[in-house]
């Protein structure tokens, strides 16, 4: 398994040990799809607003070779936001792995033009 560091931060809220443990346990699921994950940043946000359906937000940034993956999810419950967020990132990692594998197994032919013909 990868030993990528997991950084969990809270914005406008105090992080409990239970929240940190939950996030770390969920992130371990992502490590099995891509062992080349460099670092994981998880930000948990409490938005004080009248709209309670978007009160809690969770954002993750996966540092992987190539473009980083950034996903954000908002809902009325923090644990629900974390679950949906991890599902979204899981789907993106699987899709990215599948596309890389497809590209590797089906390379496009190279047109050499006149160089490929015998004179």
N, C-alpha and C. Protein backbone atom coordinates (compact mmCIF):
# COMPACT_ATOMS: atom_id res chain seq x y z
N UNK A 1 0.83 -1.19 0.00
CA UNK A 1 0.00 0.00 0.00
C UNK A 1 0.87 1.25 0.00
N UNK A 2 0.28 2.31 -0.43
CA UNK A 2 0.96 3.59 -0.45
C UNK A 2 0.92 4.19 0.95
N UNK A 3 1.96 4.90 1.28
CA UNK A 3 1.98 5.58 2.57
C UNK A 3 1.91 7.08 2.35
N UNK A 4 0.99 7.50 1.50
CA UNK A 4 0.81 8.91 1.20
C UNK A 4 0.27 9.63 2.42
N UNK A 5 0.83 10.79 2.74
CA UNK A 5 0.32 11.52 3.90
C UNK A 5 -1.08 12.08 3.63
N UNK A 6 -1.92 12.01 4.64
CA UNK A 6 -3.28 12.53 4.56
C UNK A 6 -3.35 13.75 5.46
N UNK A 7 -3.63 14.91 4.88
CA UNK A 7 -3.73 16.16 5.62
C UNK A 7 -5.20 16.53 5.73
N UNK A 8 -5.71 16.60 6.94
CA UNK A 8 -7.12 16.93 7.18
C UNK A 8 -7.17 18.28 7.89
N UNK A 9 -7.91 19.23 7.31
CA UNK A 9 -8.06 20.55 7.93
C UNK A 9 -9.53 20.87 8.07
N UNK A 10 -9.85 21.69 9.06
CA UNK A 10 -11.22 22.13 9.28
C UNK A 10 -11.30 23.64 9.17
N UNK A 11 -12.33 24.11 8.50
CA UNK A 11 -12.55 25.54 8.33
C UNK A 11 -13.85 25.89 9.05
N UNK A 12 -13.78 26.80 10.01
CA UNK A 12 -14.92 27.23 10.83
C UNK A 12 -15.47 26.09 11.67
N UNK A 13 -14.63 25.14 12.03
CA UNK A 13 -15.07 24.03 12.87
C UNK A 13 -13.86 23.38 13.51
N UNK A 14 -14.09 22.72 14.64
CA UNK A 14 -13.04 21.96 15.31
C UNK A 14 -13.10 20.52 14.84
N UNK A 15 -11.93 19.98 14.53
CA UNK A 15 -11.87 18.59 14.09
C UNK A 15 -11.73 17.67 15.30
N UNK A 16 -12.58 16.69 15.36
CA UNK A 16 -12.50 15.70 16.43
C UNK A 16 -11.67 14.51 15.94
N UNK A 17 -11.23 13.70 16.87
CA UNK A 17 -10.48 12.50 16.49
C UNK A 17 -11.35 11.55 15.67
N UNK A 18 -12.64 11.50 15.97
CA UNK A 18 -13.55 10.63 15.22
C UNK A 18 -13.63 11.07 13.75
N UNK A 19 -13.68 12.38 13.51
CA UNK A 19 -13.72 12.88 12.13
C UNK A 19 -12.43 12.53 11.40
N UNK A 20 -11.31 12.76 12.04
CA UNK A 20 -10.03 12.46 11.41
C UNK A 20 -9.90 10.97 11.10
N UNK A 21 -10.31 10.12 12.04
CA UNK A 21 -10.25 8.68 11.82
C UNK A 21 -11.16 8.24 10.69
N UNK A 22 -12.35 8.84 10.62
CA UNK A 22 -13.29 8.51 9.55
C UNK A 22 -12.71 8.87 8.19
N UNK A 23 -12.15 10.07 8.09
CA UNK A 23 -11.58 10.51 6.82
C UNK A 23 -10.41 9.61 6.42
N UNK A 24 -9.53 9.30 7.35
CA UNK A 24 -8.38 8.45 7.03
C UNK A 24 -8.81 7.06 6.61
N UNK A 25 -9.83 6.52 7.25
CA UNK A 25 -10.33 5.19 6.87
C UNK A 25 -10.92 5.21 5.47
N UNK A 26 -11.65 6.27 5.14
CA UNK A 26 -12.26 6.36 3.81
C UNK A 26 -11.19 6.57 2.72
N UNK A 27 -10.15 7.34 3.04
CA UNK A 27 -9.10 7.62 2.06
C UNK A 27 -8.30 6.35 1.76
N UNK A 28 -8.19 5.45 2.71
CA UNK A 28 -7.48 4.19 2.47
C UNK A 28 -8.10 3.42 1.31
N UNK A 29 -9.41 3.59 1.11
CA UNK A 29 -10.09 2.92 -0.01
C UNK A 29 -9.55 3.42 -1.35
N UNK A 30 -9.14 4.69 -1.40
CA UNK A 30 -8.64 5.26 -2.64
C UNK A 30 -7.25 4.73 -2.99
N UNK A 31 -6.50 4.36 -1.96
CA UNK A 31 -5.12 3.93 -2.18
C UNK A 31 -5.05 2.63 -2.98
N UNK A 32 -6.08 1.80 -2.91
CA UNK A 32 -6.02 0.52 -3.63
C UNK A 32 -6.19 0.72 -5.13
N UNK A 33 -6.80 1.83 -5.57
CA UNK A 33 -6.97 2.08 -7.00
C UNK A 33 -5.74 2.72 -7.62
N UNK A 34 -5.04 3.51 -6.85
CA UNK A 34 -3.87 4.18 -7.39
C UNK A 34 -2.79 4.23 -6.31
N UNK A 35 -1.86 3.32 -6.33
CA UNK A 35 -0.82 3.33 -5.31
C UNK A 35 0.19 4.46 -5.49
N UNK A 36 0.09 5.20 -6.60
CA UNK A 36 1.03 6.29 -6.85
C UNK A 36 0.51 7.64 -6.35
N UNK A 37 -0.44 7.63 -5.46
CA UNK A 37 -0.92 8.88 -4.87
C UNK A 37 0.19 9.47 -4.02
N UNK A 38 0.49 10.74 -4.25
CA UNK A 38 1.60 11.39 -3.55
C UNK A 38 1.14 11.96 -2.21
N UNK A 39 0.03 12.70 -2.23
CA UNK A 39 -0.46 13.36 -1.02
C UNK A 39 -1.96 13.58 -1.16
N UNK A 40 -2.66 13.57 -0.03
CA UNK A 40 -4.10 13.78 -0.01
C UNK A 40 -4.41 14.93 0.94
N UNK A 41 -5.08 15.96 0.45
CA UNK A 41 -5.53 17.09 1.27
C UNK A 41 -7.04 17.03 1.37
N UNK A 42 -7.57 16.95 2.58
CA UNK A 42 -9.02 16.94 2.79
C UNK A 42 -9.36 18.16 3.63
N UNK A 43 -10.32 18.94 3.15
CA UNK A 43 -10.76 20.15 3.84
C UNK A 43 -12.23 20.00 4.19
N UNK A 44 -12.56 20.10 5.47
CA UNK A 44 -13.93 20.02 5.94
C UNK A 44 -14.37 21.42 6.34
N UNK A 45 -15.50 21.87 5.78
CA UNK A 45 -15.92 23.26 5.93
C UNK A 45 -17.34 23.31 6.50
N UNK A 46 -17.52 24.23 7.45
CA UNK A 46 -18.86 24.51 7.96
C UNK A 46 -19.26 25.88 7.43
N UNK A 47 -20.32 25.92 6.61
CA UNK A 47 -20.84 27.17 6.05
C UNK A 47 -22.08 27.56 6.82
N UNK A 48 -22.00 28.65 7.53
CA UNK A 48 -23.15 29.10 8.28
C UNK A 48 -24.03 29.93 7.35
N UNK A 49 -25.17 29.37 7.00
CA UNK A 49 -26.07 30.06 6.08
C UNK A 49 -27.50 29.66 6.38
N UNK A 50 -28.41 30.33 5.71
CA UNK A 50 -29.83 30.00 5.89
C UNK A 50 -30.20 28.71 5.17
N UNK A 51 -29.47 28.40 4.15
CA UNK A 51 -29.74 27.18 3.38
C UNK A 51 -29.06 26.01 4.08
N UNK A 52 -29.81 25.27 4.87
CA UNK A 52 -29.22 24.17 5.64
C UNK A 52 -28.91 22.95 4.80
N UNK A 53 -29.39 22.91 3.56
CA UNK A 53 -29.10 21.75 2.72
C UNK A 53 -27.64 21.77 2.23
N UNK A 54 -26.97 22.90 2.36
CA UNK A 54 -25.57 23.01 1.93
C UNK A 54 -24.72 23.53 3.07
N UNK A 55 -24.99 23.07 4.27
CA UNK A 55 -24.34 23.61 5.47
C UNK A 55 -22.90 23.10 5.62
N UNK A 56 -22.65 21.84 5.29
CA UNK A 56 -21.33 21.25 5.43
C UNK A 56 -20.77 20.92 4.06
N UNK A 57 -19.47 21.15 3.92
CA UNK A 57 -18.80 20.84 2.66
C UNK A 57 -17.53 20.07 2.95
N UNK A 58 -17.18 19.20 2.03
CA UNK A 58 -15.93 18.46 2.10
C UNK A 58 -15.26 18.58 0.74
N UNK A 59 -13.97 18.88 0.78
CA UNK A 59 -13.21 19.02 -0.46
C UNK A 59 -11.94 18.19 -0.34
N UNK A 60 -11.58 17.54 -1.43
CA UNK A 60 -10.38 16.71 -1.44
C UNK A 60 -9.52 17.09 -2.63
N UNK A 61 -8.22 17.08 -2.42
CA UNK A 61 -7.27 17.30 -3.51
C UNK A 61 -6.26 16.16 -3.47
N UNK A 62 -6.29 15.33 -4.50
CA UNK A 62 -5.36 14.22 -4.62
C UNK A 62 -4.20 14.65 -5.49
N UNK A 63 -3.00 14.58 -4.95
CA UNK A 63 -1.82 14.87 -5.74
C UNK A 63 -1.32 13.56 -6.32
N UNK A 64 -1.46 13.44 -7.62
CA UNK A 64 -1.06 12.24 -8.35
C UNK A 64 -0.17 12.68 -9.50
N UNK A 65 0.61 11.76 -10.09
CA UNK A 65 1.36 12.13 -11.29
C UNK A 65 0.40 12.60 -12.38
N UNK A 66 0.68 13.74 -12.95
CA UNK A 66 -0.25 14.35 -13.90
C UNK A 66 -1.09 15.39 -13.19
N UNK A 67 -2.21 15.77 -13.78
CA UNK A 67 -3.07 16.77 -13.14
C UNK A 67 -3.66 16.26 -11.83
N UNK A 68 -3.71 17.14 -10.83
CA UNK A 68 -4.32 16.78 -9.55
C UNK A 68 -5.82 16.61 -9.72
N UNK A 69 -6.40 15.83 -8.83
CA UNK A 69 -7.85 15.61 -8.84
C UNK A 69 -8.43 16.40 -7.68
N UNK A 70 -9.36 17.31 -7.98
CA UNK A 70 -10.00 18.14 -6.95
C UNK A 70 -11.50 17.94 -7.05
N UNK A 71 -12.12 17.58 -5.91
CA UNK A 71 -13.56 17.33 -5.86
C UNK A 71 -14.11 18.00 -4.62
N UNK A 72 -15.33 18.57 -4.74
CA UNK A 72 -16.00 19.22 -3.62
C UNK A 72 -17.44 18.73 -3.54
N UNK A 73 -17.91 18.50 -2.34
CA UNK A 73 -19.29 18.05 -2.14
C UNK A 73 -19.89 18.78 -0.94
N UNK A 74 -21.14 19.21 -1.09
CA UNK A 74 -21.85 19.94 -0.03
C UNK A 74 -23.15 19.22 0.29
N UNK A 75 -23.50 19.17 1.57
CA UNK A 75 -24.77 18.59 1.99
C UNK A 75 -25.10 19.07 3.40
N UNK A 76 -26.21 18.55 3.95
CA UNK A 76 -26.64 18.98 5.28
C UNK A 76 -25.94 18.23 6.40
N UNK A 77 -25.23 17.13 6.07
CA UNK A 77 -24.53 16.34 7.08
C UNK A 77 -23.08 16.15 6.65
N UNK A 78 -22.16 16.34 7.58
CA UNK A 78 -20.74 16.26 7.25
C UNK A 78 -20.33 14.84 6.84
N UNK A 79 -20.81 13.84 7.56
CA UNK A 79 -20.45 12.46 7.23
C UNK A 79 -21.02 12.06 5.87
N UNK A 80 -22.20 12.57 5.54
CA UNK A 80 -22.79 12.30 4.22
C UNK A 80 -21.93 12.94 3.13
N UNK A 81 -21.46 14.16 3.39
CA UNK A 81 -20.59 14.84 2.43
C UNK A 81 -19.31 14.05 2.19
N UNK A 82 -18.73 13.52 3.27
CA UNK A 82 -17.50 12.75 3.14
C UNK A 82 -17.74 11.48 2.33
N UNK A 83 -18.84 10.78 2.60
CA UNK A 83 -19.15 9.54 1.86
C UNK A 83 -19.34 9.80 0.38
N UNK A 84 -20.12 10.82 0.04
CA UNK A 84 -20.37 11.14 -1.37
C UNK A 84 -19.08 11.59 -2.04
N UNK A 85 -18.27 12.36 -1.33
CA UNK A 85 -17.01 12.84 -1.86
C UNK A 85 -16.08 11.67 -2.20
N UNK A 86 -15.95 10.72 -1.30
CA UNK A 86 -15.06 9.58 -1.53
C UNK A 86 -15.57 8.74 -2.70
N UNK A 87 -16.90 8.59 -2.82
CA UNK A 87 -17.46 7.86 -3.97
C UNK A 87 -17.12 8.54 -5.28
N UNK A 88 -17.23 9.88 -5.32
CA UNK A 88 -16.91 10.62 -6.54
C UNK A 88 -15.44 10.48 -6.92
N UNK A 89 -14.57 10.61 -5.95
CA UNK A 89 -13.13 10.51 -6.23
C UNK A 89 -12.79 9.08 -6.65
N UNK A 90 -13.42 8.11 -6.04
CA UNK A 90 -13.20 6.71 -6.39
C UNK A 90 -13.55 6.48 -7.85
N UNK A 91 -14.69 7.00 -8.29
CA UNK A 91 -15.10 6.86 -9.69
C UNK A 91 -14.10 7.54 -10.62
N UNK A 92 -13.63 8.73 -10.23
CA UNK A 92 -12.68 9.44 -11.08
C UNK A 92 -11.35 8.70 -11.19
N UNK A 93 -10.88 8.13 -10.08
CA UNK A 93 -9.63 7.37 -10.12
C UNK A 93 -9.76 6.12 -10.99
N UNK A 94 -10.89 5.42 -10.86
CA UNK A 94 -11.10 4.24 -11.69
C UNK A 94 -11.17 4.61 -13.17
N UNK A 95 -11.87 5.70 -13.47
CA UNK A 95 -11.99 6.15 -14.87
C UNK A 95 -10.62 6.54 -15.42
N UNK A 96 -9.85 7.27 -14.64
CA UNK A 96 -8.53 7.70 -15.07
C UNK A 96 -7.62 6.49 -15.32
N UNK A 97 -7.68 5.51 -14.43
CA UNK A 97 -6.87 4.30 -14.59
C UNK A 97 -7.29 3.54 -15.85
N UNK A 98 -8.59 3.44 -16.06
CA UNK A 98 -9.09 2.73 -17.25
C UNK A 98 -8.64 3.43 -18.53
N UNK A 99 -8.71 4.75 -18.59
CA UNK A 99 -8.31 5.49 -19.79
C UNK A 99 -6.81 5.38 -20.03
N UNK A 100 -6.01 5.42 -18.96
CA UNK A 100 -4.56 5.25 -19.13
C UNK A 100 -4.23 3.86 -19.65
N UNK A 101 -4.93 2.86 -19.14
CA UNK A 101 -4.71 1.48 -19.57
C UNK A 101 -5.13 1.30 -21.02
N UNK A 102 -6.26 1.90 -21.40
CA UNK A 102 -6.75 1.82 -22.77
C UNK A 102 -5.78 2.49 -23.74
N UNK A 103 -5.25 3.62 -23.34
CA UNK A 103 -4.30 4.35 -24.17
C UNK A 103 -3.01 3.55 -24.34
N UNK A 104 -2.59 2.88 -23.27
CA UNK A 104 -1.37 2.08 -23.29
C UNK A 104 -1.55 0.84 -24.17
N UNK A 105 -2.71 0.23 -24.15
CA UNK A 105 -2.94 -1.01 -24.89
C UNK A 105 -3.36 -0.79 -26.33
N UNK A 106 -3.81 0.40 -26.67
CA UNK A 106 -4.25 0.69 -28.03
C UNK A 106 -3.59 1.96 -28.53
N UNK A 107 -2.28 1.91 -28.81
CA UNK A 107 -1.62 3.11 -29.30
C UNK A 107 -2.07 3.45 -30.72
N UNK A 108 -2.02 4.70 -31.06
CA UNK A 108 -2.42 5.14 -32.39
C UNK A 108 -1.27 4.87 -33.36
N UNK A 109 -1.60 4.46 -34.59
CA UNK A 109 -0.52 4.21 -35.56
C UNK A 109 0.16 5.52 -35.96
N UNK A 110 1.43 5.43 -36.25
CA UNK A 110 2.21 6.60 -36.64
C UNK A 110 2.37 6.60 -38.15
N UNK A 111 2.02 7.70 -38.78
CA UNK A 111 2.16 7.83 -40.23
C UNK A 111 3.55 8.38 -40.53
N UNK A 112 4.36 7.58 -41.20
CA UNK A 112 5.72 8.01 -41.51
C UNK A 112 5.81 8.71 -42.85
N UNK A 113 4.76 8.73 -43.61
CA UNK A 113 4.78 9.40 -44.90
C UNK A 113 5.67 8.67 -45.89
N UNK A 114 6.55 9.41 -46.56
CA UNK A 114 7.45 8.83 -47.56
C UNK A 114 8.57 8.02 -46.92
N UNK A 115 8.85 8.21 -45.67
CA UNK A 115 9.94 7.51 -45.02
C UNK A 115 9.65 6.02 -44.88
N UNK A 116 8.40 5.64 -44.84
CA UNK A 116 8.02 4.25 -44.63
C UNK A 116 8.06 3.42 -45.90
N UNK A 117 8.20 4.06 -47.04
CA UNK A 117 8.20 3.35 -48.32
C UNK A 117 9.62 3.07 -48.79
N UNK A 118 9.76 1.95 -49.42
CA UNK A 118 11.09 1.61 -49.99
C UNK A 118 11.27 2.37 -51.29
N UNK A 119 12.46 2.85 -51.55
CA UNK A 119 12.75 3.66 -52.73
C UNK A 119 13.01 2.87 -53.96
